[in-house]
Amino acid sequence: MKAIFSILGLLIVVAISGILVKKQFSSVTETTAKPQDGSQILVPATTPGATPQQQSQQIQQQVKQSVEAAMQQARPVPDDK
């Protein structure tokens, strides 16, 4: 009797876990990220026909330039008063 309840409990836990995992995976594929400040996220463009190494270097350069541009923008000063 004790073994039956143990197996039944284990099956319930596995079923609940499966439902939660399925729900989590489906929400990941449907969700898109939107920036809060209204700016647009641009996907780096690469030259068609370039080798993977060249494409990688182009993307790295574009990301580096984007980060440097973002670092140059003035940050708003909060009012502590």
Protein backbone atom coordinates (compact mmCIF):
# COMPACT_ATOMS: atom_id res chain seq x y z
CA MET A 1 0.00 0.00 0.00
CA LYS A 2 2.82 2.33 0.91
CA ALA A 3 4.58 1.56 -2.39
CA ILE A 4 1.45 2.33 -4.40
CA PHE A 5 1.14 5.78 -2.82
CA SER A 6 4.84 6.43 -3.38
CA ILE A 7 4.62 5.54 -7.08
CA LEU A 8 1.38 7.51 -7.47
CA GLY A 9 2.96 10.55 -5.81
CA LEU A 10 6.03 10.25 -8.03
CA LEU A 11 3.86 10.10 -11.16
CA ILE A 12 1.95 13.20 -10.06
CA VAL A 13 5.21 15.09 -9.49
CA VAL A 14 6.55 14.05 -12.91
CA ALA A 15 3.29 15.08 -14.61
CA ILE A 16 3.30 18.51 -12.95
CA SER A 17 6.97 18.99 -13.84
CA GLY A 18 6.28 18.05 -17.45
CA ILE A 19 3.42 20.52 -17.70
CA LEU A 20 5.55 23.32 -16.24
CA VAL A 21 8.47 22.56 -18.57
CA LYS A 22 6.16 22.51 -21.60
CA LYS A 23 4.63 25.81 -20.52
CA GLN A 24 8.07 27.36 -20.00
CA PHE A 25 9.38 26.28 -23.40
CA SER A 26 6.29 27.52 -25.22
CA SER A 27 6.52 30.94 -23.54
CA VAL A 28 10.21 31.27 -24.48
CA THR A 29 9.52 30.81 -28.18
CA GLU A 30 6.61 33.27 -28.23
CA THR A 31 8.19 36.10 -26.23
CA THR A 32 10.03 38.93 -27.93
CA ALA A 33 12.19 41.45 -26.11
CA LYS A 34 11.26 45.11 -26.38
CA PRO A 35 13.44 47.85 -24.96
CA GLN A 36 11.85 50.00 -22.28
CA ASP A 37 13.15 53.34 -23.50
CA GLY A 38 11.48 53.11 -26.91
CA SER A 39 14.71 52.68 -28.85
CA GLN A 40 15.02 49.98 -31.44
CA ILE A 41 17.27 46.97 -31.25
CA LEU A 42 19.12 46.56 -34.51
CA VAL A 43 20.45 43.20 -35.59
CA PRO A 44 23.95 43.54 -37.03
CA ALA A 45 23.99 43.13 -40.80
CA THR A 46 26.71 41.21 -42.59
CA THR A 47 27.95 41.20 -46.15
CA PRO A 48 26.34 38.42 -48.19
CA GLY A 49 28.83 35.90 -49.50
CA ALA A 50 31.39 36.67 -46.79
CA THR A 51 33.11 33.85 -44.96
CA PRO A 52 31.91 33.01 -41.45
CA GLN A 53 35.08 34.53 -40.01
CA GLN A 54 34.48 37.81 -41.87
CA GLN A 55 30.84 37.85 -40.79
CA SER A 56 31.89 37.27 -37.19
CA GLN A 57 34.38 40.13 -37.35
CA GLN A 58 31.77 42.44 -38.88
CA ILE A 59 29.25 41.63 -36.17
CA GLN A 60 31.86 42.08 -33.43
CA GLN A 61 32.84 45.47 -34.85
CA GLN A 62 29.21 46.61 -35.10
CA VAL A 63 28.46 45.50 -31.54
CA LYS A 64 31.61 47.25 -30.29
CA GLN A 65 30.57 50.47 -32.03
CA SER A 66 27.05 50.22 -30.60
CA VAL A 67 28.36 49.70 -27.07
CA GLU A 68 30.78 52.62 -27.40
CA ALA A 69 27.96 54.86 -28.67
CA ALA A 70 25.74 53.81 -25.77
CA MET A 71 28.53 54.52 -23.29
CA GLN A 72 28.94 58.06 -24.68
CA GLN A 73 25.30 58.99 -23.98
CA ALA A 74 24.71 61.03 -20.85
CA ARG A 75 22.98 59.20 -18.04
CA PRO A 76 20.05 61.04 -16.40
CA VAL A 77 20.86 62.28 -12.89
CA PRO A 78 18.26 61.17 -10.33
CA ASP A 79 16.76 63.72 -7.97
CA ASP A 80 17.70 62.65 -4.44
CA LYS A 81 15.94 65.56 -2.77
